[in-house]
Amino acid sequence: MLFQGFNMFHRFSLLTCGLLLTALPAWASVIAPDPSLPSTVGAYYTAPGVTVTYHVGASIFDLTNIVHQPLFNPPVQESYSGNNAIELFETVLYAMLSVDGGPAVPVTLTGPATVTIIDRVGHTTGIFATEMTDLQLHSADNSVLVRESPTQSSNGETSVTDNGNGQYRIESFFDVFTELSLDNGQTWVAAESDERVTLMPEPASLAALATGSLLLLRRKR
């Protein structure tokens, strides 16, 4: 089956994450003990409120509640091109997928991503232009594949600030152009538009931020 292997845990996790994200301020950022990119604190890239739409034949496929997390086992592979740092790492993407407006089901995709950080060499902090140059995601049974567009540039920006107490504040986003394949990569369909994904804290921090935001809203009433 197309969605073989999806389970209620992923559905609950995605719905919970979606509720938390709606309560977060737009300026949420990650606090990390080091300035590594990608951040090693378990942070996620998310796209709250975004629907990524693909037209496959006569059908419409929509991805929502997107949560994209860098993984660090195996470790990040870092290389250099001039002053640019190139980071290759494994990722996992959780999302809800619906077909032709039908019920959304959870989908889990895994695979490598490659990100170039412009003028990163020799700089610990600063504002860096970034580009996701490759992304190859697949479901467990390879029935759903998603990749970064080979013809469109998926650009972004990352800011690293030294808090002065042994911790760093990291803010980051990417405008990602993706393509979908349902025939094991024989044909690809581009998304209607790019989607902006923004770095957010790990789940425990999400919950804390959500609670803080709700308390702040109550005080304002």
N, C-alpha and C. Protein backbone atom coordinates (compact mmCIF):
# COMPACT_ATOMS: atom_id res chain seq x y z
N MET A 1 0.84 -1.20 0.00
CA MET A 1 0.00 0.00 0.00
C MET A 1 0.87 1.25 0.00
N LEU A 2 0.33 2.34 -0.53
CA LEU A 2 1.11 3.56 -0.66
C LEU A 2 1.60 4.07 0.69
N PHE A 3 0.76 3.96 1.74
CA PHE A 3 1.13 4.52 3.02
C PHE A 3 1.41 3.43 4.06
N GLN A 4 1.95 2.30 3.63
CA GLN A 4 2.26 1.20 4.52
C GLN A 4 3.27 1.64 5.58
N GLY A 5 3.05 1.26 6.82
CA GLY A 5 4.02 1.51 7.87
C GLY A 5 3.78 2.77 8.69
N PHE A 6 2.76 3.57 8.38
CA PHE A 6 2.47 4.75 9.18
C PHE A 6 1.72 4.31 10.43
N ASN A 7 1.85 5.07 11.53
CA ASN A 7 1.25 4.63 12.78
C ASN A 7 0.69 5.81 13.56
N MET A 8 -0.08 5.49 14.62
CA MET A 8 -0.77 6.52 15.39
C MET A 8 0.20 7.38 16.18
N PHE A 9 1.38 6.82 16.54
CA PHE A 9 2.36 7.63 17.27
C PHE A 9 2.78 8.84 16.45
N HIS A 10 3.07 8.62 15.17
CA HIS A 10 3.48 9.73 14.32
C HIS A 10 2.33 10.73 14.16
N ARG A 11 1.11 10.22 14.02
CA ARG A 11 -0.05 11.12 13.89
C ARG A 11 -0.17 11.98 15.14
N PHE A 12 -0.07 11.36 16.34
CA PHE A 12 -0.19 12.12 17.58
C PHE A 12 0.94 13.13 17.71
N SER A 13 2.18 12.71 17.37
CA SER A 13 3.33 13.60 17.49
C SER A 13 3.18 14.81 16.59
N LEU A 14 2.73 14.59 15.35
CA LEU A 14 2.58 15.68 14.40
C LEU A 14 1.48 16.64 14.83
N LEU A 15 0.36 16.10 15.28
CA LEU A 15 -0.73 16.97 15.70
C LEU A 15 -0.33 17.77 16.93
N THR A 16 0.38 17.13 17.88
CA THR A 16 0.84 17.84 19.06
C THR A 16 1.82 18.93 18.68
N CYS A 17 2.77 18.60 17.78
CA CYS A 17 3.75 19.59 17.34
C CYS A 17 3.04 20.76 16.65
N GLY A 18 2.02 20.44 15.84
CA GLY A 18 1.29 21.50 15.15
C GLY A 18 0.60 22.44 16.13
N LEU A 19 0.02 21.89 17.22
CA LEU A 19 -0.62 22.72 18.21
C LEU A 19 0.39 23.61 18.92
N LEU A 20 1.58 23.04 19.22
CA LEU A 20 2.61 23.83 19.88
C LEU A 20 3.11 24.94 18.98
N LEU A 21 3.28 24.64 17.70
CA LEU A 21 3.81 25.64 16.79
C LEU A 21 2.88 26.83 16.65
N THR A 22 1.58 26.59 16.72
CA THR A 22 0.64 27.71 16.59
C THR A 22 0.77 28.68 17.76
N ALA A 23 1.31 28.20 18.89
CA ALA A 23 1.45 29.05 20.07
C ALA A 23 2.79 29.75 20.14
N LEU A 24 3.72 29.41 19.25
CA LEU A 24 5.06 29.97 19.31
C LEU A 24 5.12 31.34 18.68
N PRO A 25 5.95 32.25 19.24
CA PRO A 25 6.18 33.54 18.60
C PRO A 25 7.03 33.35 17.36
N ALA A 26 6.94 34.32 16.42
CA ALA A 26 7.68 34.21 15.17
C ALA A 26 9.17 34.28 15.38
N TRP A 27 9.62 34.83 16.54
CA TRP A 27 11.03 35.02 16.77
C TRP A 27 11.67 33.87 17.52
N ALA A 28 10.98 32.72 17.67
CA ALA A 28 11.57 31.58 18.37
C ALA A 28 12.89 31.21 17.72
N SER A 29 13.91 30.95 18.56
CA SER A 29 15.22 30.58 18.05
C SER A 29 15.79 29.46 18.92
N VAL A 30 16.91 28.91 18.49
CA VAL A 30 17.53 27.79 19.18
C VAL A 30 18.70 28.30 20.01
N ILE A 31 18.78 27.86 21.26
CA ILE A 31 19.93 28.15 22.11
C ILE A 31 20.76 26.88 22.20
N ALA A 32 22.03 26.96 21.80
CA ALA A 32 22.88 25.78 21.70
C ALA A 32 24.21 26.02 22.41
N PRO A 33 24.85 24.95 22.90
CA PRO A 33 26.14 25.10 23.59
C PRO A 33 27.32 25.29 22.64
N ASP A 34 27.07 25.17 21.36
CA ASP A 34 28.13 25.40 20.38
C ASP A 34 27.50 25.95 19.10
N PRO A 35 28.32 26.58 18.24
CA PRO A 35 27.76 27.22 17.04
C PRO A 35 27.71 26.31 15.82
N SER A 36 27.71 24.99 16.02
CA SER A 36 27.71 24.05 14.90
C SER A 36 26.49 24.24 14.02
N LEU A 37 26.69 24.09 12.73
CA LEU A 37 25.60 24.12 11.76
C LEU A 37 25.68 22.85 10.92
N PRO A 38 24.61 22.04 10.89
CA PRO A 38 23.33 22.25 11.60
C PRO A 38 23.48 22.11 13.11
N SER A 39 22.56 22.72 13.85
CA SER A 39 22.62 22.69 15.30
C SER A 39 22.48 21.25 15.81
N THR A 40 23.29 20.91 16.81
CA THR A 40 23.31 19.54 17.32
C THR A 40 22.41 19.36 18.53
N VAL A 41 21.50 20.28 18.78
CA VAL A 41 20.67 20.19 19.99
C VAL A 41 19.32 19.52 19.71
N GLY A 42 19.17 18.85 18.57
CA GLY A 42 17.92 18.18 18.28
C GLY A 42 16.85 19.09 17.74
N ALA A 43 17.26 20.25 17.20
CA ALA A 43 16.29 21.22 16.69
C ALA A 43 15.65 20.72 15.39
N TYR A 44 14.52 21.33 15.05
CA TYR A 44 13.76 20.96 13.87
C TYR A 44 13.61 22.15 12.93
N TYR A 45 13.49 21.86 11.65
CA TYR A 45 13.00 22.85 10.69
C TYR A 45 11.52 22.57 10.47
N THR A 46 10.70 23.59 10.60
CA THR A 46 9.26 23.41 10.48
C THR A 46 8.68 24.43 9.51
N ALA A 47 7.47 24.15 9.05
CA ALA A 47 6.76 25.06 8.15
C ALA A 47 5.32 25.21 8.64
N PRO A 48 5.11 25.91 9.76
CA PRO A 48 3.76 26.04 10.33
C PRO A 48 2.79 26.70 9.35
N GLY A 49 1.64 26.07 9.18
CA GLY A 49 0.60 26.65 8.34
C GLY A 49 0.83 26.52 6.85
N VAL A 50 1.93 25.88 6.46
CA VAL A 50 2.26 25.76 5.04
C VAL A 50 1.71 24.46 4.47
N THR A 51 1.12 24.54 3.27
CA THR A 51 0.70 23.36 2.52
C THR A 51 1.51 23.29 1.23
N VAL A 52 2.20 22.18 1.05
CA VAL A 52 2.98 21.96 -0.17
C VAL A 52 2.15 21.07 -1.09
N THR A 53 1.84 21.58 -2.28
CA THR A 53 0.92 20.90 -3.19
C THR A 53 1.64 20.40 -4.44
N TYR A 54 1.35 19.14 -4.79
CA TYR A 54 1.87 18.54 -6.02
C TYR A 54 0.70 18.03 -6.85
N HIS A 55 0.70 18.32 -8.15
CA HIS A 55 -0.32 17.79 -9.06
C HIS A 55 0.27 16.60 -9.80
N VAL A 56 -0.20 15.41 -9.45
CA VAL A 56 0.29 14.17 -10.06
C VAL A 56 -0.84 13.59 -10.90
N GLY A 57 -0.75 13.74 -12.22
CA GLY A 57 -1.84 13.32 -13.07
C GLY A 57 -3.08 14.12 -12.73
N ALA A 58 -4.17 13.42 -12.47
CA ALA A 58 -5.43 14.09 -12.12
C ALA A 58 -5.59 14.27 -10.62
N SER A 59 -4.60 13.84 -9.84
CA SER A 59 -4.70 13.88 -8.38
C SER A 59 -3.88 15.02 -7.80
N ILE A 60 -4.31 15.46 -6.62
CA ILE A 60 -3.62 16.52 -5.90
C ILE A 60 -3.11 15.95 -4.58
N PHE A 61 -1.81 16.06 -4.35
CA PHE A 61 -1.18 15.58 -3.12
C PHE A 61 -0.75 16.81 -2.29
N ASP A 62 -1.19 16.85 -1.03
CA ASP A 62 -0.86 17.96 -0.15
C ASP A 62 -0.06 17.46 1.05
N LEU A 63 1.08 18.13 1.32
CA LEU A 63 1.87 17.87 2.52
C LEU A 63 1.67 19.02 3.49
N THR A 64 1.33 18.70 4.75
CA THR A 64 1.16 19.71 5.79
C THR A 64 1.87 19.26 7.06
N ASN A 65 1.90 20.13 8.08
CA ASN A 65 2.53 19.82 9.37
C ASN A 65 3.95 19.28 9.18
N ILE A 66 4.72 19.97 8.37
CA ILE A 66 6.06 19.50 8.02
C ILE A 66 7.04 19.74 9.17
N VAL A 67 7.75 18.69 9.56
CA VAL A 67 8.79 18.76 10.58
C VAL A 67 10.00 18.03 10.04
N HIS A 68 11.11 18.75 9.83
CA HIS A 68 12.30 18.19 9.20
C HIS A 68 13.47 18.30 10.17
N GLN A 69 14.04 17.17 10.56
CA GLN A 69 15.06 17.17 11.62
C GLN A 69 16.39 16.62 11.11
N PRO A 70 17.48 17.37 11.30
CA PRO A 70 18.81 16.80 11.04
C PRO A 70 19.12 15.69 12.04
N LEU A 71 19.82 14.66 11.58
CA LEU A 71 20.26 13.57 12.45
C LEU A 71 21.79 13.58 12.52
N PHE A 72 22.34 12.98 13.55
CA PHE A 72 23.79 13.04 13.74
C PHE A 72 24.41 11.67 13.95
N ASN A 73 23.73 10.64 13.49
CA ASN A 73 24.28 9.29 13.50
C ASN A 73 23.96 8.65 12.16
N PRO A 74 24.94 8.63 11.22
CA PRO A 74 26.35 8.99 11.39
C PRO A 74 26.55 10.50 11.52
N PRO A 75 27.76 10.91 11.97
CA PRO A 75 28.03 12.34 12.18
C PRO A 75 27.98 13.13 10.87
N VAL A 76 27.86 14.45 11.02
CA VAL A 76 27.90 15.36 9.88
C VAL A 76 29.24 15.25 9.17
N GLN A 77 29.20 15.15 7.86
CA GLN A 77 30.42 15.17 7.06
C GLN A 77 30.65 16.59 6.55
N GLU A 78 31.76 17.19 6.95
CA GLU A 78 32.04 18.57 6.58
C GLU A 78 33.19 18.64 5.59
N SER A 79 33.01 19.42 4.54
CA SER A 79 34.07 19.67 3.57
C SER A 79 34.05 21.16 3.24
N TYR A 80 35.01 21.59 2.43
CA TYR A 80 35.16 23.02 2.17
C TYR A 80 35.38 23.27 0.69
N SER A 81 34.84 24.41 0.24
CA SER A 81 35.08 24.90 -1.12
C SER A 81 35.40 26.38 -1.00
N GLY A 82 36.69 26.72 -1.02
CA GLY A 82 37.08 28.10 -0.74
C GLY A 82 36.73 28.44 0.69
N ASN A 83 36.00 29.53 0.90
CA ASN A 83 35.57 29.93 2.24
C ASN A 83 34.22 29.36 2.64
N ASN A 84 33.65 28.51 1.78
CA ASN A 84 32.33 27.95 2.05
C ASN A 84 32.45 26.59 2.72
N ALA A 85 31.59 26.35 3.71
CA ALA A 85 31.52 25.05 4.36
C ALA A 85 30.37 24.25 3.75
N ILE A 86 30.61 22.99 3.48
CA ILE A 86 29.60 22.10 2.90
C ILE A 86 29.30 21.00 3.91
N GLU A 87 28.04 20.93 4.34
CA GLU A 87 27.63 19.99 5.38
C GLU A 87 26.71 18.92 4.78
N LEU A 88 27.10 17.66 4.94
CA LEU A 88 26.30 16.51 4.50
C LEU A 88 25.86 15.74 5.74
N PHE A 89 24.54 15.51 5.88
CA PHE A 89 24.04 14.85 7.08
C PHE A 89 22.73 14.14 6.76
N GLU A 90 22.40 13.16 7.59
CA GLU A 90 21.15 12.42 7.45
C GLU A 90 20.01 13.21 8.08
N THR A 91 18.80 13.04 7.54
CA THR A 91 17.63 13.75 8.06
C THR A 91 16.42 12.84 8.10
N VAL A 92 15.42 13.26 8.86
CA VAL A 92 14.12 12.60 8.85
C VAL A 92 13.05 13.68 8.75
N LEU A 93 12.05 13.43 7.91
CA LEU A 93 10.95 14.37 7.72
C LEU A 93 9.65 13.69 8.10
N TYR A 94 8.88 14.36 8.97
CA TYR A 94 7.54 13.92 9.32
C TYR A 94 6.55 14.92 8.72
N ALA A 95 5.45 14.42 8.18
CA ALA A 95 4.44 15.30 7.62
C ALA A 95 3.11 14.56 7.56
N MET A 96 2.05 15.31 7.25
CA MET A 96 0.75 14.71 6.99
C MET A 96 0.48 14.83 5.50
N LEU A 97 0.05 13.74 4.89
CA LEU A 97 -0.16 13.69 3.44
C LEU A 97 -1.61 13.34 3.14
N SER A 98 -2.25 14.17 2.33
CA SER A 98 -3.61 13.87 1.90
C SER A 98 -3.68 13.86 0.37
N VAL A 99 -4.62 13.10 -0.15
CA VAL A 99 -4.80 12.97 -1.60
C VAL A 99 -6.20 13.45 -1.95
N ASP A 100 -6.27 14.41 -2.87
CA ASP A 100 -7.55 14.94 -3.35
C ASP A 100 -8.45 15.41 -2.21
N GLY A 101 -7.84 16.02 -1.21
CA GLY A 101 -8.62 16.57 -0.10
C GLY A 101 -9.12 15.54 0.88
N GLY A 102 -8.68 14.29 0.75
CA GLY A 102 -9.12 13.23 1.66
C GLY A 102 -8.42 13.31 3.01
N PRO A 103 -8.71 12.35 3.89
CA PRO A 103 -8.10 12.36 5.22
C PRO A 103 -6.57 12.34 5.14
N ALA A 104 -5.93 13.13 5.99
CA ALA A 104 -4.46 13.18 6.00
C ALA A 104 -3.91 12.02 6.82
N VAL A 105 -2.87 11.39 6.32
CA VAL A 105 -2.20 10.31 7.03
C VAL A 105 -0.75 10.70 7.24
N PRO A 106 -0.13 10.20 8.33
CA PRO A 106 1.25 10.56 8.60
C PRO A 106 2.22 9.85 7.65
N VAL A 107 3.24 10.57 7.23
CA VAL A 107 4.27 10.01 6.37
C VAL A 107 5.62 10.34 6.98
N THR A 108 6.52 9.37 6.97
CA THR A 108 7.88 9.55 7.46
C THR A 108 8.85 9.28 6.33
N LEU A 109 9.72 10.25 6.04
CA LEU A 109 10.70 10.13 4.97
C LEU A 109 12.09 10.34 5.56
N THR A 110 13.06 9.58 5.09
CA THR A 110 14.43 9.73 5.57
C THR A 110 15.39 9.84 4.40
N GLY A 111 16.56 10.42 4.65
CA GLY A 111 17.57 10.51 3.61
C GLY A 111 18.54 11.65 3.85
N PRO A 112 19.56 11.77 3.01
CA PRO A 112 20.60 12.77 3.21
C PRO A 112 20.22 14.15 2.70
N ALA A 113 20.83 15.16 3.32
CA ALA A 113 20.72 16.54 2.86
C ALA A 113 22.11 17.14 2.80
N THR A 114 22.32 18.04 1.85
CA THR A 114 23.58 18.76 1.74
C THR A 114 23.30 20.26 1.75
N VAL A 115 24.01 20.97 2.62
CA VAL A 115 23.83 22.41 2.77
C VAL A 115 25.17 23.11 2.63
N THR A 116 25.20 24.18 1.85
CA THR A 116 26.40 25.02 1.72
C THR A 116 26.20 26.29 2.53
N ILE A 117 27.19 26.62 3.37
CA ILE A 117 27.16 27.82 4.20
C ILE A 117 28.22 28.78 3.67
N ILE A 118 27.79 29.90 3.12
CA ILE A 118 28.68 30.83 2.44
C ILE A 118 29.56 31.59 3.45
N ASP A 119 30.87 31.64 3.17
CA ASP A 119 31.83 32.39 4.00
C ASP A 119 31.83 31.94 5.46
N ARG A 120 31.59 30.67 5.67
CA ARG A 120 31.57 30.14 7.04
C ARG A 120 32.99 29.94 7.59
N VAL A 121 33.94 29.60 6.73
CA VAL A 121 35.30 29.28 7.16
C VAL A 121 35.92 30.50 7.85
N GLY A 122 36.42 30.28 9.07
CA GLY A 122 37.07 31.34 9.82
C GLY A 122 36.13 32.21 10.61
N HIS A 123 34.83 31.92 10.57
CA HIS A 123 33.85 32.74 11.29
C HIS A 123 32.99 31.84 12.18
N THR A 124 33.01 32.11 13.47
CA THR A 124 32.17 31.37 14.41
C THR A 124 30.76 31.93 14.46
N THR A 125 30.66 33.25 14.48
CA THR A 125 29.36 33.91 14.54
C THR A 125 29.18 34.81 13.32
N GLY A 126 27.96 35.24 13.10
CA GLY A 126 27.66 36.11 11.98
C GLY A 126 26.37 35.71 11.30
N ILE A 127 26.06 36.40 10.21
CA ILE A 127 24.90 36.08 9.39
C ILE A 127 25.42 35.47 8.09
N PHE A 128 25.00 34.23 7.82
CA PHE A 128 25.54 33.49 6.69
C PHE A 128 24.45 33.17 5.67
N ALA A 129 24.71 33.48 4.41
CA ALA A 129 23.84 33.00 3.34
C ALA A 129 24.02 31.49 3.22
N THR A 130 22.95 30.77 2.97
CA THR A 130 23.00 29.31 2.89
C THR A 130 22.23 28.82 1.67
N GLU A 131 22.53 27.61 1.27
CA GLU A 131 21.78 26.98 0.18
C GLU A 131 21.71 25.48 0.42
N MET A 132 20.50 24.93 0.35
CA MET A 132 20.34 23.48 0.35
C MET A 132 20.55 23.01 -1.07
N THR A 133 21.65 22.32 -1.30
CA THR A 133 22.01 21.92 -2.65
C THR A 133 21.55 20.51 -3.00
N ASP A 134 21.16 19.73 -1.99
CA ASP A 134 20.68 18.38 -2.28
C ASP A 134 19.83 17.88 -1.13
N LEU A 135 18.78 17.14 -1.47
CA LEU A 135 17.91 16.51 -0.49
C LEU A 135 17.28 15.31 -1.18
N GLN A 136 17.45 14.12 -0.60
CA GLN A 136 16.94 12.88 -1.18
C GLN A 136 16.22 12.09 -0.11
N LEU A 137 14.90 12.22 -0.04
CA LEU A 137 14.11 11.58 1.00
C LEU A 137 13.25 10.47 0.41
N HIS A 138 13.03 9.43 1.22
CA HIS A 138 12.20 8.31 0.76
C HIS A 138 11.46 7.69 1.93
N SER A 139 10.28 7.14 1.66
CA SER A 139 9.55 6.39 2.67
C SER A 139 10.18 5.01 2.82
N ALA A 140 9.76 4.28 3.85
CA ALA A 140 10.38 2.97 4.13
C ALA A 140 10.23 2.00 2.97
N ASP A 141 9.12 2.08 2.25
CA ASP A 141 8.89 1.17 1.13
C ASP A 141 9.18 1.82 -0.23
N ASN A 142 9.78 3.03 -0.21
CA ASN A 142 10.14 3.76 -1.44
C ASN A 142 8.93 4.13 -2.30
N SER A 143 7.73 4.11 -1.72
CA SER A 143 6.55 4.48 -2.51
C SER A 143 6.41 6.00 -2.63
N VAL A 144 7.05 6.73 -1.71
CA VAL A 144 7.01 8.18 -1.74
C VAL A 144 8.44 8.70 -1.69
N LEU A 145 8.84 9.49 -2.69
CA LEU A 145 10.16 10.10 -2.74
C LEU A 145 10.00 11.61 -2.85
N VAL A 146 10.84 12.34 -2.13
CA VAL A 146 10.87 13.80 -2.21
C VAL A 146 12.32 14.22 -2.36
N ARG A 147 12.58 15.15 -3.27
CA ARG A 147 13.94 15.65 -3.45
C ARG A 147 13.94 17.17 -3.59
N GLU A 148 15.07 17.77 -3.32
CA GLU A 148 15.26 19.18 -3.60
C GLU A 148 15.39 19.34 -5.10
N SER A 149 14.78 20.38 -5.64
CA SER A 149 14.76 20.57 -7.09
C SER A 149 16.17 20.68 -7.66
N PRO A 150 16.48 19.93 -8.72
CA PRO A 150 17.80 20.05 -9.34
C PRO A 150 17.92 21.28 -10.23
N THR A 151 16.83 22.01 -10.44
CA THR A 151 16.86 23.17 -11.33
C THR A 151 16.58 24.50 -10.63
N GLN A 152 16.06 24.45 -9.39
CA GLN A 152 15.75 25.65 -8.62
C GLN A 152 16.69 25.75 -7.42
N SER A 153 17.10 26.94 -7.07
CA SER A 153 17.98 27.14 -5.92
C SER A 153 17.15 27.28 -4.64
N SER A 154 17.49 26.49 -3.63
CA SER A 154 16.80 26.54 -2.34
C SER A 154 17.68 27.32 -1.36
N ASN A 155 17.49 28.63 -1.34
CA ASN A 155 18.37 29.50 -0.57
C ASN A 155 17.79 29.81 0.80
N GLY A 156 18.67 30.26 1.68
CA GLY A 156 18.24 30.62 3.02
C GLY A 156 19.26 31.49 3.71
N GLU A 157 19.12 31.59 5.03
CA GLU A 157 20.03 32.42 5.82
C GLU A 157 20.09 31.86 7.23
N THR A 158 21.28 31.92 7.82
CA THR A 158 21.48 31.46 9.19
C THR A 158 22.24 32.51 9.97
N SER A 159 21.76 32.81 11.17
CA SER A 159 22.40 33.77 12.05
C SER A 159 22.88 33.05 13.31
N VAL A 160 24.14 33.27 13.68
CA VAL A 160 24.71 32.70 14.89
C VAL A 160 25.23 33.84 15.76
N THR A 161 24.70 33.95 16.98
CA THR A 161 25.07 35.03 17.90
C THR A 161 25.62 34.43 19.19
N ASP A 162 26.75 34.95 19.66
CA ASP A 162 27.34 34.53 20.93
C ASP A 162 26.60 35.22 22.07
N ASN A 163 25.94 34.44 22.94
CA ASN A 163 25.20 35.02 24.05
C ASN A 163 26.11 35.49 25.19
N GLY A 164 27.39 35.14 25.12
CA GLY A 164 28.33 35.57 26.13
C GLY A 164 28.35 34.73 27.39
N ASN A 165 27.59 33.64 27.42
CA ASN A 165 27.55 32.77 28.60
C ASN A 165 27.83 31.32 28.22
N GLY A 166 28.63 31.14 27.18
CA GLY A 166 28.94 29.79 26.72
C GLY A 166 27.87 29.17 25.86
N GLN A 167 26.88 29.97 25.45
CA GLN A 167 25.81 29.48 24.60
C GLN A 167 25.65 30.40 23.40
N TYR A 168 25.03 29.84 22.36
CA TYR A 168 24.85 30.57 21.11
C TYR A 168 23.38 30.56 20.72
N ARG A 169 22.92 31.67 20.18
CA ARG A 169 21.57 31.78 19.65
C ARG A 169 21.64 31.57 18.13
N ILE A 170 20.88 30.60 17.64
CA ILE A 170 20.91 30.26 16.21
C ILE A 170 19.52 30.45 15.63
N GLU A 171 19.44 31.21 14.54
CA GLU A 171 18.20 31.39 13.80
C GLU A 171 18.48 31.03 12.35
N SER A 172 17.55 30.34 11.70
CA SER A 172 17.82 29.86 10.35
C SER A 172 16.53 29.59 9.61
N PHE A 173 16.58 29.79 8.28
CA PHE A 173 15.44 29.42 7.43
C PHE A 173 15.96 29.03 6.05
N PHE A 174 15.16 28.27 5.33
CA PHE A 174 15.41 27.94 3.93
C PHE A 174 14.11 28.07 3.15
N ASP A 175 14.19 28.57 1.93
CA ASP A 175 13.08 28.52 0.99
C ASP A 175 13.36 27.37 0.04
N VAL A 176 12.69 26.25 0.25
CA VAL A 176 13.05 24.99 -0.41
C VAL A 176 12.08 24.68 -1.55
N PHE A 177 12.63 24.40 -2.71
CA PHE A 177 11.86 23.91 -3.86
C PHE A 177 12.00 22.38 -3.88
N THR A 178 10.87 21.69 -3.85
CA THR A 178 10.90 20.23 -3.81
C THR A 178 10.16 19.62 -4.98
N GLU A 179 10.43 18.34 -5.21
CA GLU A 179 9.74 17.55 -6.22
C GLU A 179 9.32 16.22 -5.60
N LEU A 180 8.22 15.67 -6.11
CA LEU A 180 7.63 14.43 -5.59
C LEU A 180 7.65 13.36 -6.67
N SER A 181 7.97 12.13 -6.26
CA SER A 181 7.88 10.98 -7.16
C SER A 181 7.13 9.85 -6.47
N LEU A 182 6.21 9.22 -7.22
CA LEU A 182 5.46 8.08 -6.70
C LEU A 182 5.74 6.81 -7.49
N ASP A 183 6.77 6.84 -8.36
CA ASP A 183 7.11 5.67 -9.17
C ASP A 183 8.60 5.35 -9.05
N ASN A 184 9.12 5.49 -7.81
CA ASN A 184 10.51 5.14 -7.51
C ASN A 184 11.51 5.98 -8.30
N GLY A 185 11.15 7.23 -8.54
CA GLY A 185 12.09 8.15 -9.16
C GLY A 185 12.09 8.17 -10.67
N GLN A 186 11.17 7.44 -11.31
CA GLN A 186 11.14 7.46 -12.78
C GLN A 186 10.64 8.80 -13.30
N THR A 187 9.65 9.39 -12.61
CA THR A 187 9.15 10.71 -12.98
C THR A 187 9.03 11.55 -11.72
N TRP A 188 9.20 12.87 -11.90
CA TRP A 188 9.14 13.80 -10.77
C TRP A 188 8.18 14.94 -11.10
N VAL A 189 7.45 15.39 -10.06
CA VAL A 189 6.51 16.50 -10.20
C VAL A 189 6.93 17.59 -9.22
N ALA A 190 7.09 18.81 -9.72
CA ALA A 190 7.50 19.93 -8.87
C ALA A 190 6.34 20.43 -8.03
N ALA A 191 6.65 20.90 -6.83
CA ALA A 191 5.64 21.54 -5.98
C ALA A 191 5.17 22.83 -6.64
N GLU A 192 3.94 23.24 -6.31
CA GLU A 192 3.40 24.47 -6.88
C GLU A 192 4.27 25.68 -6.55
N SER A 193 4.89 25.67 -5.39
CA SER A 193 5.76 26.78 -4.98
C SER A 193 6.78 26.27 -3.98
N ASP A 194 7.75 27.12 -3.66
CA ASP A 194 8.70 26.75 -2.62
C ASP A 194 8.01 26.84 -1.27
N GLU A 195 8.63 26.21 -0.26
CA GLU A 195 8.12 26.31 1.10
C GLU A 195 9.23 26.81 2.01
N ARG A 196 8.88 27.73 2.89
CA ARG A 196 9.86 28.23 3.85
C ARG A 196 9.83 27.36 5.10
N VAL A 197 10.99 26.80 5.45
CA VAL A 197 11.13 26.05 6.69
C VAL A 197 12.03 26.85 7.62
N THR A 198 11.64 26.89 8.90
CA THR A 198 12.31 27.73 9.88
C THR A 198 12.78 26.88 11.05
N LEU A 199 13.99 27.15 11.54
CA LEU A 199 14.54 26.40 12.65
C LEU A 199 13.79 26.70 13.93
N MET A 200 13.39 25.64 14.64
CA MET A 200 12.69 25.76 15.91
C MET A 200 13.36 24.85 16.94
N PRO A 201 13.15 25.12 18.24
CA PRO A 201 13.79 24.29 19.27
C PRO A 201 13.26 22.87 19.28
N GLU A 202 13.99 22.00 20.02
CA GLU A 202 13.58 20.62 20.18
C GLU A 202 12.27 20.55 20.95
N PRO A 203 11.58 19.38 20.95
CA PRO A 203 10.24 19.29 21.53
C PRO A 203 10.13 19.81 22.96
N ALA A 204 11.08 19.48 23.85
CA ALA A 204 10.98 19.96 25.23
C ALA A 204 10.98 21.48 25.27
N SER A 205 11.82 22.08 24.45
CA SER A 205 11.88 23.54 24.40
C SER A 205 10.62 24.10 23.75
N LEU A 206 10.09 23.38 22.77
CA LEU A 206 8.84 23.80 22.15
C LEU A 206 7.74 23.90 23.18
N ALA A 207 7.65 22.87 24.02
CA ALA A 207 6.60 22.86 25.03
C ALA A 207 6.78 24.02 25.99
N ALA A 208 8.04 24.27 26.40
CA ALA A 208 8.30 25.37 27.33
C ALA A 208 7.95 26.71 26.69
N LEU A 209 8.34 26.89 25.43
CA LEU A 209 8.04 28.13 24.74
C LEU A 209 6.54 28.32 24.56
N ALA A 210 5.85 27.22 24.23
CA ALA A 210 4.40 27.30 24.05
C ALA A 210 3.73 27.70 25.34
N THR A 211 4.17 27.09 26.47
CA THR A 211 3.60 27.43 27.77
C THR A 211 3.86 28.90 28.09
N GLY A 212 5.10 29.35 27.84
CA GLY A 212 5.43 30.74 28.10
C GLY A 212 4.61 31.68 27.25
N SER A 213 4.39 31.32 25.99
CA SER A 213 3.61 32.17 25.09
C SER A 213 2.16 32.26 25.55
N LEU A 214 1.62 31.13 26.00
CA LEU A 214 0.24 31.13 26.47
C LEU A 214 0.09 31.98 27.72
N LEU A 215 1.08 31.88 28.65
CA LEU A 215 1.04 32.70 29.84
C LEU A 215 1.11 34.17 29.50
N LEU A 216 1.95 34.50 28.49
CA LEU A 216 2.08 35.89 28.07
C LEU A 216 0.76 36.40 27.50
N LEU A 217 0.08 35.54 26.72
CA LEU A 217 -1.20 35.94 26.15
C LEU A 217 -2.22 36.19 27.26
N ARG A 218 -2.21 35.33 28.29
CA ARG A 218 -3.16 35.50 29.38
C ARG A 218 -2.92 36.82 30.11
N ARG A 219 -1.63 37.17 30.30
CA ARG A 219 -1.31 38.40 31.01
C ARG A 219 -1.78 39.62 30.23
N LYS A 220 -1.77 39.51 28.89
CA LYS A 220 -2.18 40.63 28.06
C LYS A 220 -3.68 40.86 28.06
N ARG A 221 -4.43 39.82 28.43
CA ARG A 221 -5.89 39.95 28.40
C ARG A 221 -6.41 40.81 29.55
